[in-house]
Amino acid sequence: MIAPRVVLTRPHARRAMMSPSEKARELPSPEQAPDVPAAEKTREGMIRDAAYLLAERRGFCPGKELDDWLEAEQQIDRWLAAHASPRR
């Protein structure tokens, strides 16, 4: 009997299983990469993790991915506003 292939849900876990040539095709060239501030990259990563946790709580049922992302975005923005240090 052949074991079924396991499908990984988290993007970084799926990426770890890719061959180097698949990874190279997935990444934009430096000229194509958007110039995003480091703080925005951090915010996006936080939103991604929060959206994953929301999806996990509802059992990864399909069709609610956008709702998870938008809810996570609101949660992270509220958290960042509450924990923002005053600028000097």
PDB file of N, CA and C in Angstrom:
ATOM      1  N   MET A   1       0.838  -1.187   0.000  1.00  0.00           N
ATOM      2  CA  MET A   1       0.000   0.000   0.000  1.00  0.00           C
ATOM      3  C   MET A   1       0.880   1.247   0.000  1.00  0.00           C
ATOM      4  N   ILE A   2       0.512   2.216  -0.791  1.00  0.00           N
ATOM      5  CA  ILE A   2       1.263   3.468  -0.870  1.00  0.00           C
ATOM      6  C   ILE A   2       0.607   4.482   0.058  1.00  0.00           C
ATOM      7  N   ALA A   3       1.433   5.119   0.871  1.00  0.00           N
ATOM      8  CA  ALA A   3       0.920   6.117   1.811  1.00  0.00           C
ATOM      9  C   ALA A   3       0.494   7.370   1.052  1.00  0.00           C
ATOM     10  N   PRO A   4      -0.607   8.004   1.449  1.00  0.00           N
ATOM     11  CA  PRO A   4      -1.022   9.241   0.777  1.00  0.00           C
ATOM     12  C   PRO A   4      -0.032  10.357   1.050  1.00  0.00           C
ATOM     13  N   ARG A   5       0.083  11.249   0.115  1.00  0.00           N
ATOM     14  CA  ARG A   5       0.973  12.401   0.266  1.00  0.00           C
ATOM     15  C   ARG A   5       0.344  13.381   1.244  1.00  0.00           C
ATOM     16  N   VAL A   6       1.126  13.846   2.170  1.00  0.00           N
ATOM     17  CA  VAL A   6       0.646  14.793   3.167  1.00  0.00           C
ATOM     18  C   VAL A   6       0.728  16.192   2.574  1.00  0.00           C
ATOM     19  N   VAL A   7      -0.357  16.931   2.668  1.00  0.00           N
ATOM     20  CA  VAL A   7      -0.386  18.304   2.180  1.00  0.00           C
ATOM     21  C   VAL A   7      -0.161  19.223   3.363  1.00  0.00           C
ATOM     22  N   LEU A   8       0.872  20.012   3.305  1.00  0.00           N
ATOM     23  CA  LEU A   8       1.187  20.942   4.383  1.00  0.00           C
ATOM     24  C   LEU A   8       0.436  22.246   4.173  1.00  0.00           C
ATOM     25  N   THR A   9      -0.104  22.785   5.230  1.00  0.00           N
ATOM     26  CA  THR A   9      -0.939  23.965   5.132  1.00  0.00           C
ATOM     27  C   THR A   9      -0.129  25.251   5.216  1.00  0.00           C
ATOM     28  N   ARG A  10       0.831  25.307   6.101  1.00  0.00           N
ATOM     29  CA  ARG A  10       1.582  26.542   6.290  1.00  0.00           C
ATOM     30  C   ARG A  10       2.532  26.758   5.122  1.00  0.00           C
ATOM     31  N   PRO A  11       2.545  27.962   4.559  1.00  0.00           N
ATOM     32  CA  PRO A  11       3.381  28.222   3.381  1.00  0.00           C
ATOM     33  C   PRO A  11       4.859  27.936   3.601  1.00  0.00           C
ATOM     34  N   HIS A  12       5.407  28.317   4.771  1.00  0.00           N
ATOM     35  CA  HIS A  12       6.837  28.107   4.965  1.00  0.00           C
ATOM     36  C   HIS A  12       7.164  26.618   5.106  1.00  0.00           C
ATOM     37  N   ALA A  13       6.233  25.824   5.629  1.00  0.00           N
ATOM     38  CA  ALA A  13       6.460  24.384   5.720  1.00  0.00           C
ATOM     39  C   ALA A  13       6.433  23.758   4.324  1.00  0.00           C
ATOM     40  N   ARG A  14       5.500  24.203   3.498  1.00  0.00           N
ATOM     41  CA  ARG A  14       5.421  23.699   2.130  1.00  0.00           C
ATOM     42  C   ARG A  14       6.675  24.092   1.366  1.00  0.00           C
ATOM     43  N   ARG A  15       7.154  25.308   1.596  1.00  0.00           N
ATOM     44  CA  ARG A  15       8.351  25.792   0.920  1.00  0.00           C
ATOM     45  C   ARG A  15       9.570  24.966   1.300  1.00  0.00           C
ATOM     46  N   ALA A  16       9.627  24.474   2.528  1.00  0.00           N
ATOM     47  CA  ALA A  16      10.765  23.676   2.976  1.00  0.00           C
ATOM     48  C   ALA A  16      10.865  22.366   2.204  1.00  0.00           C
ATOM     49  N   MET A  17       9.752  21.891   1.669  1.00  0.00           N
ATOM     50  CA  MET A  17       9.742  20.632   0.934  1.00  0.00           C
ATOM     51  C   MET A  17      10.039  20.831  -0.555  1.00  0.00           C
ATOM     52  N   MET A  18      10.132  22.072  -1.012  1.00  0.00           N
ATOM     53  CA  MET A  18      10.354  22.350  -2.430  1.00  0.00           C
ATOM     54  C   MET A  18      11.810  22.135  -2.806  1.00  0.00           C
ATOM     55  N   SER A  19      12.016  21.798  -4.059  1.00  0.00           N
ATOM     56  CA  SER A  19      13.379  21.686  -4.566  1.00  0.00           C
ATOM     57  C   SER A  19      13.930  23.101  -4.779  1.00  0.00           C
ATOM     58  N   PRO A  20      15.251  23.258  -4.848  1.00  0.00           N
ATOM     59  CA  PRO A  20      15.823  24.590  -5.062  1.00  0.00           C
ATOM     60  C   PRO A  20      15.316  25.264  -6.340  1.00  0.00           C
ATOM     61  N   SER A  21      15.093  24.488  -7.385  1.00  0.00           N
ATOM     62  CA  SER A  21      14.607  25.107  -8.628  1.00  0.00           C
ATOM     63  C   SER A  21      13.175  25.611  -8.457  1.00  0.00           C
ATOM     64  N   GLU A  22      12.347  24.895  -7.699  1.00  0.00           N
ATOM     65  CA  GLU A  22      10.979  25.360  -7.431  1.00  0.00           C
ATOM     66  C   GLU A  22      10.999  26.643  -6.601  1.00  0.00           C
ATOM     67  N   LYS A  23      11.898  26.704  -5.620  1.00  0.00           N
ATOM     68  CA  LYS A  23      12.010  27.908  -4.783  1.00  0.00           C
ATOM     69  C   LYS A  23      12.436  29.106  -5.618  1.00  0.00           C
ATOM     70  N   ALA A  24      13.366  28.889  -6.528  1.00  0.00           N
ATOM     71  CA  ALA A  24      13.859  29.990  -7.371  1.00  0.00           C
ATOM     72  C   ALA A  24      12.750  30.529  -8.263  1.00  0.00           C
ATOM     73  N   ARG A  25      11.896  29.657  -8.792  1.00  0.00           N
ATOM     74  CA  ARG A  25      10.792  30.104  -9.639  1.00  0.00           C
ATOM     75  C   ARG A  25       9.755  30.883  -8.843  1.00  0.00           C
ATOM     76  N   GLU A  26       9.630  30.568  -7.564  1.00  0.00           N
ATOM     77  CA  GLU A  26       8.611  31.195  -6.725  1.00  0.00           C
ATOM     78  C   GLU A  26       8.988  32.630  -6.335  1.00  0.00           C
ATOM     79  N   LEU A  27      10.260  32.911  -6.180  1.00  0.00           N
ATOM     80  CA  LEU A  27      10.705  34.214  -5.683  1.00  0.00           C
ATOM     81  C   LEU A  27      10.850  35.228  -6.805  1.00  0.00           C
ATOM     82  N   PRO A  28      10.418  36.473  -6.560  1.00  0.00           N
ATOM     83  CA  PRO A  28      10.614  37.507  -7.578  1.00  0.00           C
ATOM     84  C   PRO A  28      12.083  37.918  -7.633  1.00  0.00           C
ATOM     85  N   SER A  29      12.495  38.426  -8.757  1.00  0.00           N
ATOM     86  CA  SER A  29      13.858  38.928  -8.860  1.00  0.00           C
ATOM     87  C   SER A  29      13.958  40.210  -8.034  1.00  0.00           C
ATOM     88  N   PRO A  30      15.170  40.629  -7.659  1.00  0.00           N
ATOM     89  CA  PRO A  30      15.305  41.851  -6.875  1.00  0.00           C
ATOM     90  C   PRO A  30      14.669  43.069  -7.540  1.00  0.00           C
ATOM     91  N   GLU A  31      14.672  43.102  -8.882  1.00  0.00           N
ATOM     92  CA  GLU A  31      14.063  44.237  -9.585  1.00  0.00           C
ATOM     93  C   GLU A  31      12.541  44.223  -9.438  1.00  0.00           C
ATOM     94  N   GLN A  32      11.956  43.037  -9.323  1.00  0.00           N
ATOM     95  CA  GLN A  32      10.503  42.915  -9.224  1.00  0.00           C
ATOM     96  C   GLN A  32      10.001  43.040  -7.792  1.00  0.00           C
ATOM     97  N   ALA A  33      10.847  42.804  -6.818  1.00  0.00           N
ATOM     98  CA  ALA A  33      10.424  42.834  -5.415  1.00  0.00           C
ATOM     99  C   ALA A  33      10.003  44.249  -5.036  1.00  0.00           C
ATOM    100  N   PRO A  34       8.848  44.396  -4.412  1.00  0.00           N
ATOM    101  CA  PRO A  34       8.400  45.726  -4.018  1.00  0.00           C
ATOM    102  C   PRO A  34       9.270  46.281  -2.900  1.00  0.00           C
ATOM    103  N   ASP A  35       9.429  47.583  -2.886  1.00  0.00           N
ATOM    104  CA  ASP A  35      10.204  48.238  -1.845  1.00  0.00           C
ATOM    105  C   ASP A  35       9.277  48.486  -0.655  1.00  0.00           C
ATOM    106  N   VAL A  36       9.254  47.533   0.263  1.00  0.00           N
ATOM    107  CA  VAL A  36       8.369  47.601   1.422  1.00  0.00           C
ATOM    108  C   VAL A  36       9.212  47.867   2.660  1.00  0.00           C
ATOM    109  N   PRO A  37       8.809  48.842   3.480  1.00  0.00           N
ATOM    110  CA  PRO A  37       9.564  49.109   4.705  1.00  0.00           C
ATOM    111  C   PRO A  37       9.602  47.884   5.616  1.00  0.00           C
ATOM    112  N   ALA A  38      10.670  47.770   6.410  1.00  0.00           N
ATOM    113  CA  ALA A  38      10.827  46.618   7.298  1.00  0.00           C
ATOM    114  C   ALA A  38       9.665  46.503   8.270  1.00  0.00           C
ATOM    115  N   ALA A  39       9.148  47.626   8.762  1.00  0.00           N
ATOM    116  CA  ALA A  39       8.026  47.582   9.707  1.00  0.00           C
ATOM    117  C   ALA A  39       6.793  46.963   9.059  1.00  0.00           C
ATOM    118  N   GLU A  40       6.566  47.245   7.791  1.00  0.00           N
ATOM    119  CA  GLU A  40       5.410  46.677   7.093  1.00  0.00           C
ATOM    120  C   GLU A  40       5.595  45.172   6.886  1.00  0.00           C
ATOM    121  N   LYS A  41       6.831  44.741   6.618  1.00  0.00           N
ATOM    122  CA  LYS A  41       7.087  43.313   6.477  1.00  0.00           C
ATOM    123  C   LYS A  41       6.799  42.600   7.791  1.00  0.00           C
ATOM    124  N   THR A  42       7.175  43.215   8.902  1.00  0.00           N
ATOM    125  CA  THR A  42       6.922  42.638  10.210  1.00  0.00           C
ATOM    126  C   THR A  42       5.424  42.570  10.469  1.00  0.00           C
ATOM    127  N   ARG A  43       4.702  43.638  10.138  1.00  0.00           N
ATOM    128  CA  ARG A  43       3.249  43.673  10.317  1.00  0.00           C
ATOM    129  C   ARG A  43       2.592  42.575   9.489  1.00  0.00           C
ATOM    130  N   GLU A  44       3.024  42.440   8.256  1.00  0.00           N
ATOM    131  CA  GLU A  44       2.436  41.421   7.388  1.00  0.00           C
ATOM    132  C   GLU A  44       2.683  40.018   7.936  1.00  0.00           C
ATOM    133  N   GLY A  45       3.864  39.783   8.455  1.00  0.00           N
ATOM    134  CA  GLY A  45       4.161  38.478   9.052  1.00  0.00           C
ATOM    135  C   GLY A  45       3.290  38.197  10.265  1.00  0.00           C
ATOM    136  N   MET A  46       3.057  39.226  11.067  1.00  0.00           N
ATOM    137  CA  MET A  46       2.191  39.073  12.232  1.00  0.00           C
ATOM    138  C   MET A  46       0.762  38.762  11.789  1.00  0.00           C
ATOM    139  N   ILE A  47       0.302  39.448  10.752  1.00  0.00           N
ATOM    140  CA  ILE A  47      -1.050  39.205  10.234  1.00  0.00           C
ATOM    141  C   ILE A  47      -1.145  37.783   9.692  1.00  0.00           C
ATOM    142  N   ARG A  48      -0.134  37.356   8.975  1.00  0.00           N
ATOM    143  CA  ARG A  48      -0.126  36.008   8.403  1.00  0.00           C
ATOM    144  C   ARG A  48      -0.243  34.953   9.511  1.00  0.00           C
ATOM    145  N   ASP A  49       0.540  35.125  10.577  1.00  0.00           N
ATOM    146  CA  ASP A  49       0.498  34.169  11.685  1.00  0.00           C
ATOM    147  C   ASP A  49      -0.856  34.186  12.384  1.00  0.00           C
ATOM    148  N   ALA A  50      -1.407  35.382  12.596  1.00  0.00           N
ATOM    149  CA  ALA A  50      -2.712  35.491  13.250  1.00  0.00           C
ATOM    150  C   ALA A  50      -3.811  34.880  12.385  1.00  0.00           C
ATOM    151  N   ALA A  51      -3.750  35.084  11.081  1.00  0.00           N
ATOM    152  CA  ALA A  51      -4.747  34.513  10.169  1.00  0.00           C
ATOM    153  C   ALA A  51      -4.654  32.988  10.188  1.00  0.00           C
ATOM    154  N   TYR A  52      -3.454  32.472  10.245  1.00  0.00           N
ATOM    155  CA  TYR A  52      -3.276  31.022  10.328  1.00  0.00           C
ATOM    156  C   TYR A  52      -3.921  30.480  11.600  1.00  0.00           C
ATOM    157  N   LEU A  53      -3.711  31.160  12.720  1.00  0.00           N
ATOM    158  CA  LEU A  53      -4.292  30.700  13.982  1.00  0.00           C
ATOM    159  C   LEU A  53      -5.818  30.749  13.941  1.00  0.00           C
ATOM    160  N   LEU A  54      -6.370  31.795  13.324  1.00  0.00           N
ATOM    161  CA  LEU A  54      -7.823  31.871  13.179  1.00  0.00           C
ATOM    162  C   LEU A  54      -8.345  30.711  12.331  1.00  0.00           C
ATOM    163  N   ALA A  55      -7.664  30.411  11.245  1.00  0.00           N
ATOM    164  CA  ALA A  55      -8.068  29.296  10.383  1.00  0.00           C
ATOM    165  C   ALA A  55      -7.955  27.977  11.137  1.00  0.00           C
ATOM    166  N   GLU A  56      -6.914  27.844  11.917  1.00  0.00           N
ATOM    167  CA  GLU A  56      -6.719  26.620  12.698  1.00  0.00           C
ATOM    168  C   GLU A  56      -7.862  26.425  13.692  1.00  0.00           C
ATOM    169  N   ARG A  57      -8.280  27.509  14.346  1.00  0.00           N
ATOM    170  CA  ARG A  57      -9.379  27.432  15.324  1.00  0.00           C
ATOM    171  C   ARG A  57     -10.685  26.959  14.691  1.00  0.00           C
ATOM    172  N   ARG A  58     -10.899  27.291  13.430  1.00  0.00           N
ATOM    173  CA  ARG A  58     -12.145  26.877  12.777  1.00  0.00           C
ATOM    174  C   ARG A  58     -11.961  25.608  11.959  1.00  0.00           C
ATOM    175  N   GLY A  59     -10.849  24.924  12.157  1.00  0.00           N
ATOM    176  CA  GLY A  59     -10.635  23.625  11.526  1.00  0.00           C
ATOM    177  C   GLY A  59     -10.228  23.680  10.069  1.00  0.00           C
ATOM    178  N   PHE A  60      -9.695  24.808   9.612  1.00  0.00           N
ATOM    179  CA  PHE A  60      -9.230  24.981   8.238  1.00  0.00           C
ATOM    180  C   PHE A  60     -10.322  24.722   7.196  1.00  0.00           C
ATOM    181  N   CYS A  61     -11.568  24.954   7.557  1.00  0.00           N
ATOM    182  CA  CYS A  61     -12.657  24.804   6.586  1.00  0.00           C
ATOM    183  C   CYS A  61     -12.468  25.847   5.483  1.00  0.00           C
ATOM    184  N   PRO A  62     -12.548  25.441   4.223  1.00  0.00           N
ATOM    185  CA  PRO A  62     -12.301  26.383   3.127  1.00  0.00           C
ATOM    186  C   PRO A  62     -13.422  27.407   2.978  1.00  0.00           C
ATOM    187  N   GLY A  63     -13.061  28.522   2.350  1.00  0.00           N
ATOM    188  CA  GLY A  63     -14.050  29.547   2.028  1.00  0.00           C
ATOM    189  C   GLY A  63     -14.031  30.758   2.942  1.00  0.00           C
ATOM    190  N   LYS A  64     -13.265  30.721   4.002  1.00  0.00           N
ATOM    191  CA  LYS A  64     -13.233  31.837   4.952  1.00  0.00           C
ATOM    192  C   LYS A  64     -11.843  32.463   5.071  1.00  0.00           C
ATOM    193  N   GLU A  65     -10.988  32.223   4.087  1.00  0.00           N
ATOM    194  CA  GLU A  65      -9.610  32.697   4.162  1.00  0.00           C
ATOM    195  C   GLU A  65      -9.532  34.219   4.211  1.00  0.00           C
ATOM    196  N   LEU A  66     -10.338  34.884   3.393  1.00  0.00           N
ATOM    197  CA  LEU A  66     -10.324  36.345   3.384  1.00  0.00           C
ATOM    198  C   LEU A  66     -10.833  36.894   4.709  1.00  0.00           C
ATOM    199  N   ASP A  67     -11.871  36.280   5.262  1.00  0.00           N
ATOM    200  CA  ASP A  67     -12.378  36.705   6.566  1.00  0.00           C
ATOM    201  C   ASP A  67     -11.308  36.549   7.641  1.00  0.00           C
ATOM    202  N   ASP A  68     -10.561  35.440   7.603  1.00  0.00           N
ATOM    203  CA  ASP A  68      -9.479  35.227   8.565  1.00  0.00           C
ATOM    204  C   ASP A  68      -8.432  36.325   8.432  1.00  0.00           C
ATOM    205  N   TRP A  69      -8.063  36.643   7.186  1.00  0.00           N
ATOM    206  CA  TRP A  69      -7.034  37.648   6.953  1.00  0.00           C
ATOM    207  C   TRP A  69      -7.496  39.020   7.452  1.00  0.00           C
ATOM    208  N   LEU A  70      -8.723  39.395   7.121  1.00  0.00           N
ATOM    209  CA  LEU A  70      -9.223  40.708   7.521  1.00  0.00           C
ATOM    210  C   LEU A  70      -9.355  40.820   9.031  1.00  0.00           C
ATOM    211  N   GLU A  71      -9.817  39.758   9.684  1.00  0.00           N
ATOM    212  CA  GLU A  71      -9.916  39.758  11.146  1.00  0.00           C
ATOM    213  C   GLU A  71      -8.532  39.854  11.775  1.00  0.00           C
ATOM    214  N   ALA A  72      -7.582  39.107  11.234  1.00  0.00           N
ATOM    215  CA  ALA A  72      -6.208  39.153  11.738  1.00  0.00           C
ATOM    216  C   ALA A  72      -5.616  40.543  11.556  1.00  0.00           C
ATOM    217  N   GLU A  73      -5.895  41.165  10.423  1.00  0.00           N
ATOM    218  CA  GLU A  73      -5.402  42.514  10.156  1.00  0.00           C
ATOM    219  C   GLU A  73      -5.928  43.497  11.209  1.00  0.00           C
ATOM    220  N   GLN A  74      -7.210  43.387  11.528  1.00  0.00           N
ATOM    221  CA  GLN A  74      -7.793  44.266  12.550  1.00  0.00           C
ATOM    222  C   GLN A  74      -7.163  44.003  13.914  1.00  0.00           C
ATOM    223  N   GLN A  75      -6.995  42.736  14.262  1.00  0.00           N
ATOM    224  CA  GLN A  75      -6.392  42.391  15.555  1.00  0.00           C
ATOM    225  C   GLN A  75      -4.978  42.948  15.672  1.00  0.00           C
ATOM    226  N   ILE A  76      -4.178  42.748  14.636  1.00  0.00           N
ATOM    227  CA  ILE A  76      -2.781  43.198  14.684  1.00  0.00           C
ATOM    228  C   ILE A  76      -2.700  44.720  14.694  1.00  0.00           C
ATOM    229  N   ASP A  77      -3.529  45.383  13.892  1.00  0.00           N
ATOM    230  CA  ASP A  77      -3.515  46.849  13.887  1.00  0.00           C
ATOM    231  C   ASP A  77      -3.919  47.414  15.247  1.00  0.00           C
ATOM    232  N   ARG A  78      -4.916  46.789  15.894  1.00  0.00           N
ATOM    233  CA  ARG A  78      -5.301  47.229  17.248  1.00  0.00           C
ATOM    234  C   ARG A  78      -4.147  47.021  18.221  1.00  0.00           C
ATOM    235  N   TRP A  79      -3.496  45.855  18.120  1.00  0.00           N
ATOM    236  CA  TRP A  79      -2.387  45.563  19.019  1.00  0.00           C
ATOM    237  C   TRP A  79      -1.233  46.542  18.798  1.00  0.00           C
ATOM    238  N   LEU A  80      -0.902  46.795  17.543  1.00  0.00           N
ATOM    239  CA  LEU A  80       0.194  47.724  17.238  1.00  0.00           C
ATOM    240  C   LEU A  80      -0.123  49.131  17.724  1.00  0.00           C
ATOM    241  N   ALA A  81      -1.375  49.571  17.569  1.00  0.00           N
ATOM    242  CA  ALA A  81      -1.770  50.904  18.044  1.00  0.00           C
ATOM    243  C   ALA A  81      -1.670  50.987  19.565  1.00  0.00           C
ATOM    244  N   ALA A  82      -2.052  49.931  20.240  1.00  0.00           N
ATOM    245  CA  ALA A  82      -2.019  49.928  21.703  1.00  0.00           C
ATOM    246  C   ALA A  82      -0.585  49.864  22.244  1.00  0.00           C
ATOM    247  N   HIS A  83       0.315  49.268  21.475  1.00  0.00           N
ATOM    248  CA  HIS A  83       1.690  49.068  21.953  1.00  0.00           C
ATOM    249  C   HIS A  83       2.701  49.961  21.225  1.00  0.00           C
ATOM    250  N   ALA A  84       2.222  50.935  20.506  1.00  0.00           N
ATOM    251  CA  ALA A  84       3.140  51.818  19.772  1.00  0.00           C
ATOM    252  C   ALA A  84       3.893  52.703  20.753  1.00  0.00           C
ATOM    253  N   SER A  85       5.182  52.805  20.531  1.00  0.00           N
ATOM    254  CA  SER A  85       5.962  53.692  21.378  1.00  0.00           C
ATOM    255  C   SER A  85       5.870  55.108  20.806  1.00  0.00           C
ATOM    256  N   PRO A  86       5.824  56.108  21.697  1.00  0.00           N
ATOM    257  CA  PRO A  86       5.742  57.477  21.183  1.00  0.00           C
ATOM    258  C   PRO A  86       7.012  57.836  20.418  1.00  0.00           C
ATOM    259  N   ARG A  87       6.837  58.485  19.294  1.00  0.00           N
ATOM    260  CA  ARG A  87       7.998  58.892  18.481  1.00  0.00           C
ATOM    261  C   ARG A  87       8.609  60.162  19.046  1.00  0.00           C
ATOM    262  N   ARG A  88       9.900  60.221  18.975  1.00  0.00           N
ATOM    263  CA  ARG A  88      10.603  61.399  19.509  1.00  0.00           C
ATOM    264  C   ARG A  88      10.986  62.338  18.426  1.00  0.00           C
TER     265      ARG A  88
END
